[in-house]
Amino acid sequence: MNQVTRWFDHPLYRWMDEQAFSDMEGVLRANCRDSVIEAVLDGFENISLESIEYYPAGTYGEPEKTVLDNIPDFWLIRMRQRVAKKHTGTFRVYLPVLWNRRFMGIAGAGTNNEVDWFSSVTFNVISWPMALKNGYACGVSDNDTGIRLDCTWGFDREGKLEWDHVEAWAYSTLHEMTLAAKKIVEAVYEEAILASYMHGTSGGGREVITEAALFPEDYDGLWADGPAVNYLDLQFACLWAAVVEANEKHLVPISKYRRARELLLSDPVRRDLPFDSRQIIWMDYI
């Protein structure tokens, strides 16, 4: 099991009892069809169906990403979502065969609308693989902003802000994703959703708070993890280490950071731990 997916079976990430999941294989095979999904999307002029695919339990991979090697079987509905005048993002709904009758809305992190499938025991991120492992149907919409910490997406080629794209990131994309995803889930499972939740961390935590303020009827429960809302304080906090180093005239050279990384990777016990594990004490290497 690789260093990403081995955390999926950690007790902290298994909060649902798999014995209580419902086997929905038959109903999903019957309803995961173009006609069913397109009937739902008739009510959403900005969303169009792209594909419907079934993935058996085992491995799942995408270009330039770590292969997930212990994912449960699921159906994936891919759609396109027009989020701004010049931008169309990807919108996906994941449907586990073993369903807990609940829905999870996946918010983002940083300046992005979604998170990658990175997970560790000390970084609170619910990505779609984690939701699936716990039996949740879930929705993800990327707002055409990607999954990396790239803050240039809100500008056009001339460097001017594309306000319609920024406003979509601020609130409208995830709201529309939520409405459409929940309707799709209920259509394919032929059952009402028992409860729905949304989670986001950092910038995604801000998205969750915005969702709560503007569209409180969308979810039964909201988890804003470390929401990035006080930006002026946040920027000063991020610069504090550099300010202290400069004032004390004790800059840590990049060569020391590189050497610390080399020593860590050569440690057979710690090299596969996530970067933020409490079992790694970086000063031991610097």
C-alpha atoms as a PDB file:
ATOM      1  CA  MET A   1       0.000   0.000   0.000  1.00  0.00           C
ATOM      2  CA  ASN A   2       1.488   3.369  -0.982  1.00  0.00           C
ATOM      3  CA  GLN A   3       2.140   6.311   1.343  1.00  0.00           C
ATOM      4  CA  VAL A   4      -1.058   8.112   0.307  1.00  0.00           C
ATOM      5  CA  THR A   5      -3.651   5.383   0.537  1.00  0.00           C
ATOM      6  CA  ARG A   6      -2.220   3.625   3.561  1.00  0.00           C
ATOM      7  CA  TRP A   7      -3.719   6.419   5.644  1.00  0.00           C
ATOM      8  CA  PHE A   8      -7.203   5.635   4.353  1.00  0.00           C
ATOM      9  CA  ASP A   9      -7.430   2.681   6.738  1.00  0.00           C
ATOM     10  CA  HIS A  10      -6.179   4.642   9.740  1.00  0.00           C
ATOM     11  CA  PRO A  11      -8.793   4.635  12.574  1.00  0.00           C
ATOM     12  CA  LEU A  12      -9.031   8.437  12.414  1.00  0.00           C
ATOM     13  CA  TYR A  13     -10.331   8.169   8.860  1.00  0.00           C
ATOM     14  CA  ARG A  14     -12.837   5.361   9.360  1.00  0.00           C
ATOM     15  CA  TRP A  15     -15.651   7.104  11.200  1.00  0.00           C
ATOM     16  CA  MET A  16     -18.523   5.194   9.537  1.00  0.00           C
ATOM     17  CA  ASP A  17     -19.410   1.559  10.221  1.00  0.00           C
ATOM     18  CA  GLU A  18     -19.169  -0.356   6.943  1.00  0.00           C
ATOM     19  CA  GLN A  19     -21.540  -3.001   8.298  1.00  0.00           C
ATOM     20  CA  ALA A  20     -24.329  -0.406   8.101  1.00  0.00           C
ATOM     21  CA  PHE A  21     -23.728   0.447   4.418  1.00  0.00           C
ATOM     22  CA  SER A  22     -26.363  -0.497   1.838  1.00  0.00           C
ATOM     23  CA  ASP A  23     -25.335  -2.478  -1.236  1.00  0.00           C
ATOM     24  CA  MET A  24     -26.693  -0.410  -4.132  1.00  0.00           C
ATOM     25  CA  GLU A  25     -25.068  -2.272  -7.029  1.00  0.00           C
ATOM     26  CA  GLY A  26     -28.308  -3.172  -8.783  1.00  0.00           C
ATOM     27  CA  VAL A  27     -29.965   0.208  -8.592  1.00  0.00           C
ATOM     28  CA  LEU A  28     -26.786   2.005  -9.684  1.00  0.00           C
ATOM     29  CA  ARG A  29     -26.354  -0.252 -12.715  1.00  0.00           C
ATOM     30  CA  ALA A  30     -29.935   0.477 -13.666  1.00  0.00           C
ATOM     31  CA  ASN A  31     -29.800   4.244 -13.182  1.00  0.00           C
ATOM     32  CA  CYS A  32     -26.283   5.332 -14.057  1.00  0.00           C
ATOM     33  CA  ARG A  33     -27.366   6.097 -17.617  1.00  0.00           C
ATOM     34  CA  ASP A  34     -27.271   9.217 -19.787  1.00  0.00           C
ATOM     35  CA  SER A  35     -31.054   9.576 -19.855  1.00  0.00           C
ATOM     36  CA  VAL A  36     -31.364   9.609 -16.050  1.00  0.00           C
ATOM     37  CA  ILE A  37     -28.583  12.152 -15.507  1.00  0.00           C
ATOM     38  CA  GLU A  38     -29.606  14.395 -18.392  1.00  0.00           C
ATOM     39  CA  ALA A  39     -33.154  14.517 -17.032  1.00  0.00           C
ATOM     40  CA  VAL A  40     -31.754  15.931 -13.789  1.00  0.00           C
ATOM     41  CA  LEU A  41     -29.470  18.375 -15.604  1.00  0.00           C
ATOM     42  CA  ASP A  42     -32.343  19.837 -17.593  1.00  0.00           C
ATOM     43  CA  GLY A  43     -32.865  22.108 -14.611  1.00  0.00           C
ATOM     44  CA  PHE A  44     -29.265  23.402 -14.673  1.00  0.00           C
ATOM     45  CA  GLU A  45     -28.417  25.417 -17.777  1.00  0.00           C
ATOM     46  CA  ASN A  46     -24.723  25.749 -16.849  1.00  0.00           C
ATOM     47  CA  ILE A  47     -24.053  22.006 -16.491  1.00  0.00           C
ATOM     48  CA  SER A  48     -23.706  19.341 -19.192  1.00  0.00           C
ATOM     49  CA  LEU A  49     -22.977  15.616 -18.968  1.00  0.00           C
ATOM     50  CA  GLU A  50     -19.575  14.392 -20.106  1.00  0.00           C
ATOM     51  CA  SER A  51     -19.365  10.712 -19.152  1.00  0.00           C
ATOM     52  CA  ILE A  52     -20.537   7.979 -16.790  1.00  0.00           C
ATOM     53  CA  GLU A  53     -18.078   5.261 -15.787  1.00  0.00           C
ATOM     54  CA  TYR A  54     -17.899   2.361 -13.349  1.00  0.00           C
ATOM     55  CA  TYR A  55     -14.669   1.601 -11.461  1.00  0.00           C
ATOM     56  CA  PRO A  56     -14.322  -1.751  -9.657  1.00  0.00           C
ATOM     57  CA  ALA A  57     -12.725  -1.961  -6.226  1.00  0.00           C
ATOM     58  CA  GLY A  58      -8.939  -1.948  -6.221  1.00  0.00           C
ATOM     59  CA  THR A  59      -6.686   0.587  -7.901  1.00  0.00           C
ATOM     60  CA  TYR A  60      -7.583   3.934  -9.404  1.00  0.00           C
ATOM     61  CA  GLY A  61      -5.223   6.378 -11.092  1.00  0.00           C
ATOM     62  CA  GLU A  62      -5.058   9.629 -12.997  1.00  0.00           C
ATOM     63  CA  PRO A  63      -2.155  11.224 -14.899  1.00  0.00           C
ATOM     64  CA  GLU A  64       0.558  12.697 -12.679  1.00  0.00           C
ATOM     65  CA  LYS A  65      -1.073  11.481  -9.467  1.00  0.00           C
ATOM     66  CA  THR A  66      -0.310   8.744  -6.983  1.00  0.00           C
ATOM     67  CA  VAL A  67      -2.322   5.614  -7.776  1.00  0.00           C
ATOM     68  CA  LEU A  68      -4.971   4.835  -5.172  1.00  0.00           C
ATOM     69  CA  ASP A  69      -4.606   1.158  -4.368  1.00  0.00           C
ATOM     70  CA  ASN A  70      -7.419   0.400  -1.939  1.00  0.00           C
ATOM     71  CA  ILE A  71     -10.424   2.297  -3.253  1.00  0.00           C
ATOM     72  CA  PRO A  72     -13.954   0.748  -3.049  1.00  0.00           C
ATOM     73  CA  ASP A  73     -16.018   0.214  -6.209  1.00  0.00           C
ATOM     74  CA  PHE A  74     -17.899   3.277  -7.385  1.00  0.00           C
ATOM     75  CA  TRP A  75     -19.560   5.062 -10.289  1.00  0.00           C
ATOM     76  CA  LEU A  76     -18.178   8.391 -11.484  1.00  0.00           C
ATOM     77  CA  ILE A  77     -20.298  10.958 -13.313  1.00  0.00           C
ATOM     78  CA  ARG A  78     -18.217  13.620 -15.034  1.00  0.00           C
ATOM     79  CA  MET A  79     -19.785  16.900 -16.109  1.00  0.00           C
ATOM     80  CA  ARG A  80     -18.780  20.311 -17.402  1.00  0.00           C
ATOM     81  CA  GLN A  81     -19.909  23.402 -15.495  1.00  0.00           C
ATOM     82  CA  ARG A  82     -19.832  26.898 -16.991  1.00  0.00           C
ATOM     83  CA  VAL A  83     -18.675  28.990 -14.057  1.00  0.00           C
ATOM     84  CA  ALA A  84     -17.906  32.315 -15.764  1.00  0.00           C
ATOM     85  CA  LYS A  85     -18.071  33.968 -19.163  1.00  0.00           C
ATOM     86  CA  LYS A  86     -14.695  32.578 -20.228  1.00  0.00           C
ATOM     87  CA  HIS A  87     -14.380  29.581 -17.908  1.00  0.00           C
ATOM     88  CA  THR A  88     -15.797  26.076 -17.783  1.00  0.00           C
ATOM     89  CA  GLY A  89     -14.786  23.813 -14.932  1.00  0.00           C
ATOM     90  CA  THR A  90     -15.086  20.124 -14.175  1.00  0.00           C
ATOM     91  CA  PHE A  91     -17.898  18.860 -11.966  1.00  0.00           C
ATOM     92  CA  ARG A  92     -17.898  15.276 -10.699  1.00  0.00           C
ATOM     93  CA  VAL A  93     -20.222  13.142  -8.616  1.00  0.00           C
ATOM     94  CA  TYR A  94     -18.851   9.975  -6.986  1.00  0.00           C
ATOM     95  CA  LEU A  95     -21.325   7.222  -6.147  1.00  0.00           C
ATOM     96  CA  PRO A  96     -20.115   4.366  -3.911  1.00  0.00           C
ATOM     97  CA  VAL A  97     -21.729   0.975  -4.446  1.00  0.00           C
ATOM     98  CA  LEU A  98     -21.768   0.563  -0.650  1.00  0.00           C
ATOM     99  CA  TRP A  99     -23.682   3.720   0.368  1.00  0.00           C
ATOM    100  CA  ASN A 100     -24.308   5.156   3.840  1.00  0.00           C
ATOM    101  CA  ARG A 101     -27.296   7.171   2.542  1.00  0.00           C
ATOM    102  CA  ARG A 102     -25.445  10.440   3.071  1.00  0.00           C
ATOM    103  CA  PHE A 103     -23.886  13.122   0.850  1.00  0.00           C
ATOM    104  CA  MET A 104     -20.576  14.948   1.295  1.00  0.00           C
ATOM    105  CA  GLY A 105     -19.842  18.227  -0.483  1.00  0.00           C
ATOM    106  CA  ILE A 106     -16.097  18.615  -1.054  1.00  0.00           C
ATOM    107  CA  ALA A 107     -14.851  22.187  -0.710  1.00  0.00           C
ATOM    108  CA  GLY A 108     -11.323  23.293  -1.439  1.00  0.00           C
ATOM    109  CA  ALA A 109      -8.119  24.527   0.140  1.00  0.00           C
ATOM    110  CA  GLY A 110      -5.999  27.564  -0.562  1.00  0.00           C
ATOM    111  CA  THR A 111      -7.459  29.462  -3.522  1.00  0.00           C
ATOM    112  CA  ASN A 112      -8.912  26.322  -5.094  1.00  0.00           C
ATOM    113  CA  ASN A 113     -12.401  24.861  -5.115  1.00  0.00           C
ATOM    114  CA  GLU A 114     -11.263  21.269  -4.538  1.00  0.00           C
ATOM    115  CA  VAL A 115      -8.464  19.370  -2.827  1.00  0.00           C
ATOM    116  CA  ASP A 116      -6.218  16.674  -4.212  1.00  0.00           C
ATOM    117  CA  TRP A 117      -6.457  13.225  -2.638  1.00  0.00           C
ATOM    118  CA  PHE A 118      -3.635  14.017  -0.219  1.00  0.00           C
ATOM    119  CA  SER A 119      -4.317  12.797   3.305  1.00  0.00           C
ATOM    120  CA  SER A 120      -2.327  12.390   6.514  1.00  0.00           C
ATOM    121  CA  VAL A 121      -3.079  11.807  10.170  1.00  0.00           C
ATOM    122  CA  THR A 122      -2.418  15.423  11.161  1.00  0.00           C
ATOM    123  CA  PHE A 123      -3.909  17.357   8.223  1.00  0.00           C
ATOM    124  CA  ASN A 124      -7.696  17.522   8.185  1.00  0.00           C
ATOM    125  CA  VAL A 125      -8.743  17.088   4.568  1.00  0.00           C
ATOM    126  CA  ILE A 126     -11.757  15.170   3.341  1.00  0.00           C
ATOM    127  CA  SER A 127     -11.072  14.399  -0.291  1.00  0.00           C
ATOM    128  CA  TRP A 128     -13.387  12.291  -2.443  1.00  0.00           C
ATOM    129  CA  PRO A 129     -11.501   9.003  -1.826  1.00  0.00           C
ATOM    130  CA  MET A 130     -11.879   9.522   1.918  1.00  0.00           C
ATOM    131  CA  ALA A 131     -15.592  10.214   1.516  1.00  0.00           C
ATOM    132  CA  LEU A 132     -16.008   7.054  -0.573  1.00  0.00           C
ATOM    133  CA  LYS A 133     -14.147   4.934   1.983  1.00  0.00           C
ATOM    134  CA  ASN A 134     -16.773   6.018   4.492  1.00  0.00           C
ATOM    135  CA  GLY A 135     -19.708   5.310   2.196  1.00  0.00           C
ATOM    136  CA  TYR A 136     -20.591   8.870   1.203  1.00  0.00           C
ATOM    137  CA  ALA A 137     -21.813   9.902  -2.203  1.00  0.00           C
ATOM    138  CA  CYS A 138     -19.942  13.128  -2.863  1.00  0.00           C
ATOM    139  CA  GLY A 139     -19.692  16.084  -5.206  1.00  0.00           C
ATOM    140  CA  VAL A 140     -16.609  18.006  -6.380  1.00  0.00           C
ATOM    141  CA  SER A 141     -16.407  21.090  -8.592  1.00  0.00           C
ATOM    142  CA  ASP A 142     -13.067  22.686  -9.478  1.00  0.00           C
ATOM    143  CA  ASN A 143     -14.289  26.087 -10.783  1.00  0.00           C
ATOM    144  CA  ASP A 144     -11.506  25.917 -13.417  1.00  0.00           C
ATOM    145  CA  THR A 145      -8.984  26.951 -10.775  1.00  0.00           C
ATOM    146  CA  GLY A 146      -7.011  23.694 -10.538  1.00  0.00           C
ATOM    147  CA  ILE A 147      -5.850  21.947  -7.382  1.00  0.00           C
ATOM    148  CA  ARG A 148      -2.459  23.631  -6.876  1.00  0.00           C
ATOM    149  CA  LEU A 149      -1.723  26.841  -4.991  1.00  0.00           C
ATOM    150  CA  ASP A 150      -1.704  28.994  -8.121  1.00  0.00           C
ATOM    151  CA  CYS A 151      -3.159  32.452  -7.441  1.00  0.00           C
ATOM    152  CA  THR A 152      -2.995  33.664 -11.061  1.00  0.00           C
ATOM    153  CA  TRP A 153      -6.224  32.019 -12.191  1.00  0.00           C
ATOM    154  CA  GLY A 154      -8.412  35.037 -11.376  1.00  0.00           C
ATOM    155  CA  PHE A 155      -6.684  37.275 -13.945  1.00  0.00           C
ATOM    156  CA  ASP A 156      -6.968  37.493 -17.717  1.00  0.00           C
ATOM    157  CA  ARG A 157      -3.963  37.605 -20.069  1.00  0.00           C
ATOM    158  CA  GLU A 158      -3.663  41.366 -19.591  1.00  0.00           C
ATOM    159  CA  GLY A 159      -3.502  41.015 -15.817  1.00  0.00           C
ATOM    160  CA  LYS A 160      -7.004  42.312 -15.153  1.00  0.00           C
ATOM    161  CA  LEU A 161      -9.251  40.636 -12.615  1.00  0.00           C
ATOM    162  CA  GLU A 162     -12.004  38.439 -14.031  1.00  0.00           C
ATOM    163  CA  TRP A 163     -14.602  39.304 -11.434  1.00  0.00           C
ATOM    164  CA  ASP A 164     -17.206  36.821 -12.646  1.00  0.00           C
ATOM    165  CA  HIS A 165     -14.684  33.998 -12.174  1.00  0.00           C
ATOM    166  CA  VAL A 166     -13.694  35.281  -8.722  1.00  0.00           C
ATOM    167  CA  GLU A 167     -17.340  35.561  -7.649  1.00  0.00           C
ATOM    168  CA  ALA A 168     -17.981  32.014  -8.851  1.00  0.00           C
ATOM    169  CA  TRP A 169     -15.088  30.835  -6.660  1.00  0.00           C
ATOM    170  CA  ALA A 170     -16.430  32.875  -3.751  1.00  0.00           C
ATOM    171  CA  TYR A 171     -19.870  31.274  -3.607  1.00  0.00           C
ATOM    172  CA  SER A 172     -21.875  30.383  -6.724  1.00  0.00           C
ATOM    173  CA  THR A 173     -19.977  27.375  -8.114  1.00  0.00           C
ATOM    174  CA  LEU A 174     -20.176  25.255  -4.974  1.00  0.00           C
ATOM    175  CA  HIS A 175     -23.798  26.192  -4.365  1.00  0.00           C
ATOM    176  CA  GLU A 176     -24.801  25.078  -7.863  1.00  0.00           C
ATOM    177  CA  MET A 177     -22.667  21.938  -7.492  1.00  0.00           C
ATOM    178  CA  THR A 178     -24.473  21.116  -4.255  1.00  0.00           C
ATOM    179  CA  LEU A 179     -27.954  21.489  -5.710  1.00  0.00           C
ATOM    180  CA  ALA A 180     -27.186  19.444  -8.832  1.00  0.00           C
ATOM    181  CA  ALA A 181     -25.161  16.732  -7.061  1.00  0.00           C
ATOM    182  CA  LYS A 182     -27.837  16.067  -4.447  1.00  0.00           C
ATOM    183  CA  LYS A 183     -30.513  15.749  -7.135  1.00  0.00           C
ATOM    184  CA  ILE A 184     -28.302  13.324  -9.083  1.00  0.00           C
ATOM    185  CA  VAL A 185     -27.636  11.234  -5.958  1.00  0.00           C
ATOM    186  CA  GLU A 186     -31.324  10.892  -5.150  1.00  0.00           C
ATOM    187  CA  ALA A 187     -32.195  10.094  -8.773  1.00  0.00           C
ATOM    188  CA  VAL A 188     -29.679   7.263  -9.180  1.00  0.00           C
ATOM    189  CA  TYR A 189     -30.131   5.701  -5.738  1.00  0.00           C
ATOM    190  CA  GLU A 190     -33.911   6.188  -5.864  1.00  0.00           C
ATOM    191  CA  GLU A 191     -33.823   7.261  -2.220  1.00  0.00           C
ATOM    192  CA  ALA A 192     -33.800  10.536  -0.315  1.00  0.00           C
ATOM    193  CA  ILE A 193     -30.477  11.561   1.204  1.00  0.00           C
ATOM    194  CA  LEU A 194     -30.512  10.955   4.958  1.00  0.00           C
ATOM    195  CA  ALA A 195     -28.138  13.851   5.727  1.00  0.00           C
ATOM    196  CA  SER A 196     -25.693  16.067   3.836  1.00  0.00           C
ATOM    197  CA  TYR A 197     -22.441  17.672   4.946  1.00  0.00           C
ATOM    198  CA  MET A 198     -19.710  19.918   3.563  1.00  0.00           C
ATOM    199  CA  HIS A 199     -16.058  20.111   4.590  1.00  0.00           C
ATOM    200  CA  GLY A 200     -13.258  22.438   3.604  1.00  0.00           C
ATOM    201  CA  THR A 201      -9.911  23.416   5.060  1.00  0.00           C
ATOM    202  CA  SER A 202      -8.106  26.777   5.042  1.00  0.00           C
ATOM    203  CA  GLY A 203      -9.472  28.520   1.928  1.00  0.00           C
ATOM    204  CA  GLY A 204     -12.003  25.717   1.762  1.00  0.00           C
ATOM    205  CA  GLY A 205     -13.002  26.540   5.311  1.00  0.00           C
ATOM    206  CA  ARG A 206     -13.848  30.035   4.082  1.00  0.00           C
ATOM    207  CA  GLU A 207     -15.977  28.436   1.345  1.00  0.00           C
ATOM    208  CA  VAL A 208     -17.845  26.421   3.966  1.00  0.00           C
ATOM    209  CA  ILE A 209     -18.531  29.528   6.061  1.00  0.00           C
ATOM    210  CA  THR A 210     -19.759  31.358   2.959  1.00  0.00           C
ATOM    211  CA  GLU A 211     -22.035  28.449   2.123  1.00  0.00           C
ATOM    212  CA  ALA A 212     -23.455  28.558   5.645  1.00  0.00           C
ATOM    213  CA  ALA A 213     -24.057  32.303   5.479  1.00  0.00           C
ATOM    214  CA  LEU A 214     -25.614  32.464   2.012  1.00  0.00           C
ATOM    215  CA  PHE A 215     -27.233  29.041   1.547  1.00  0.00           C
ATOM    216  CA  PRO A 216     -27.905  27.540   4.998  1.00  0.00           C
ATOM    217  CA  GLU A 217     -30.516  25.173   3.555  1.00  0.00           C
ATOM    218  CA  ASP A 218     -27.941  23.336   1.415  1.00  0.00           C
ATOM    219  CA  TYR A 219     -26.431  21.196   4.201  1.00  0.00           C
ATOM    220  CA  ASP A 220     -27.356  19.638   7.513  1.00  0.00           C
ATOM    221  CA  GLY A 221     -23.828  19.970   8.871  1.00  0.00           C
ATOM    222  CA  LEU A 222     -20.802  22.119   7.968  1.00  0.00           C
ATOM    223  CA  TRP A 223     -17.164  21.685   9.010  1.00  0.00           C
ATOM    224  CA  ALA A 224     -14.900  24.686   8.372  1.00  0.00           C
ATOM    225  CA  ASP A 225     -11.406  23.491   9.269  1.00  0.00           C
ATOM    226  CA  GLY A 226      -8.932  26.315   9.931  1.00  0.00           C
ATOM    227  CA  PRO A 227     -10.857  28.796   7.762  1.00  0.00           C
ATOM    228  CA  ALA A 228      -8.650  31.404   6.079  1.00  0.00           C
ATOM    229  CA  VAL A 229     -10.783  34.452   6.751  1.00  0.00           C
ATOM    230  CA  ASN A 230      -8.569  37.072   8.467  1.00  0.00           C
ATOM    231  CA  TYR A 231      -6.244  37.635   5.538  1.00  0.00           C
ATOM    232  CA  LEU A 232      -4.288  40.615   6.875  1.00  0.00           C
ATOM    233  CA  ASP A 233      -3.421  38.775  10.089  1.00  0.00           C
ATOM    234  CA  LEU A 234      -2.696  35.619   8.110  1.00  0.00           C
ATOM    235  CA  GLN A 235      -0.194  37.298   5.781  1.00  0.00           C
ATOM    236  CA  PHE A 236       1.724  38.842   8.678  1.00  0.00           C
ATOM    237  CA  ALA A 237       1.779  35.484  10.463  1.00  0.00           C
ATOM    238  CA  CYS A 238       3.193  33.778   7.371  1.00  0.00           C
ATOM    239  CA  LEU A 239       5.999  36.349   7.178  1.00  0.00           C
ATOM    240  CA  TRP A 240       6.853  36.214  10.879  1.00  0.00           C
ATOM    241  CA  ALA A 241       9.558  33.536  10.630  1.00  0.00           C
ATOM    242  CA  ALA A 242      11.369  35.441   7.884  1.00  0.00           C
ATOM    243  CA  VAL A 243      11.130  38.702   9.845  1.00  0.00           C
ATOM    244  CA  VAL A 244      12.633  37.097  12.954  1.00  0.00           C
ATOM    245  CA  GLU A 245      15.451  35.521  10.969  1.00  0.00           C
ATOM    246  CA  ALA A 246      16.243  38.852   9.322  1.00  0.00           C
ATOM    247  CA  ASN A 247      16.136  40.846  12.573  1.00  0.00           C
ATOM    248  CA  GLU A 248      18.333  38.339  14.370  1.00  0.00           C
ATOM    249  CA  LYS A 249      20.694  38.163  11.379  1.00  0.00           C
ATOM    250  CA  HIS A 250      20.427  34.388  11.482  1.00  0.00           C
ATOM    251  CA  LEU A 251      19.051  33.242   8.167  1.00  0.00           C
ATOM    252  CA  VAL A 252      18.852  29.478   7.745  1.00  0.00           C
ATOM    253  CA  PRO A 253      20.503  28.765   4.374  1.00  0.00           C
ATOM    254  CA  ILE A 254      18.649  26.685   1.813  1.00  0.00           C
ATOM    255  CA  SER A 255      21.511  24.176   1.893  1.00  0.00           C
ATOM    256  CA  LYS A 256      20.518  23.208   5.457  1.00  0.00           C
ATOM    257  CA  TYR A 257      16.907  22.579   4.427  1.00  0.00           C
ATOM    258  CA  ARG A 258      18.094  20.431   1.528  1.00  0.00           C
ATOM    259  CA  ARG A 259      20.444  18.474   3.783  1.00  0.00           C
ATOM    260  CA  ALA A 260      17.654  17.940   6.316  1.00  0.00           C
ATOM    261  CA  ARG A 261      15.447  16.523   3.582  1.00  0.00           C
ATOM    262  CA  GLU A 262      18.213  14.175   2.416  1.00  0.00           C
ATOM    263  CA  LEU A 263      18.758  12.900   5.967  1.00  0.00           C
ATOM    264  CA  LEU A 264      15.039  12.386   6.470  1.00  0.00           C
ATOM    265  CA  LEU A 265      14.656  10.407   3.230  1.00  0.00           C
ATOM    266  CA  SER A 266      17.562   8.191   4.245  1.00  0.00           C
ATOM    267  CA  ASP A 267      15.829   7.334   7.533  1.00  0.00           C
ATOM    268  CA  PRO A 268      14.051   3.973   6.937  1.00  0.00           C
ATOM    269  CA  VAL A 269      11.601   4.596   9.807  1.00  0.00           C
ATOM    270  CA  ARG A 270      10.514   8.138   9.006  1.00  0.00           C
ATOM    271  CA  ARG A 271      10.925   8.547   5.246  1.00  0.00           C
ATOM    272  CA  ASP A 272       7.383   7.379   4.402  1.00  0.00           C
ATOM    273  CA  LEU A 273       5.666   9.507   7.041  1.00  0.00           C
ATOM    274  CA  PRO A 274       3.647  12.524   5.846  1.00  0.00           C
ATOM    275  CA  PHE A 275       5.539  15.797   6.000  1.00  0.00           C
ATOM    276  CA  ASP A 276       3.479  17.078   8.933  1.00  0.00           C
ATOM    277  CA  SER A 277       3.690  13.945  11.084  1.00  0.00           C
ATOM    278  CA  ARG A 278       4.385  14.525  14.767  1.00  0.00           C
ATOM    279  CA  GLN A 279       6.938  11.732  14.550  1.00  0.00           C
ATOM    280  CA  ILE A 280       9.192  14.000  12.478  1.00  0.00           C
ATOM    281  CA  ILE A 281      11.205  16.555  14.464  1.00  0.00           C
ATOM    282  CA  TRP A 282      12.850  18.672  11.798  1.00  0.00           C
ATOM    283  CA  MET A 283      15.341  20.272  14.190  1.00  0.00           C
ATOM    284  CA  ASP A 284      16.893  16.836  14.659  1.00  0.00           C
ATOM    285  CA  TYR A 285      17.970  17.012  11.032  1.00  0.00           C
ATOM    286  CA  ILE A 286      18.855  20.726  10.784  1.00  0.00           C
END
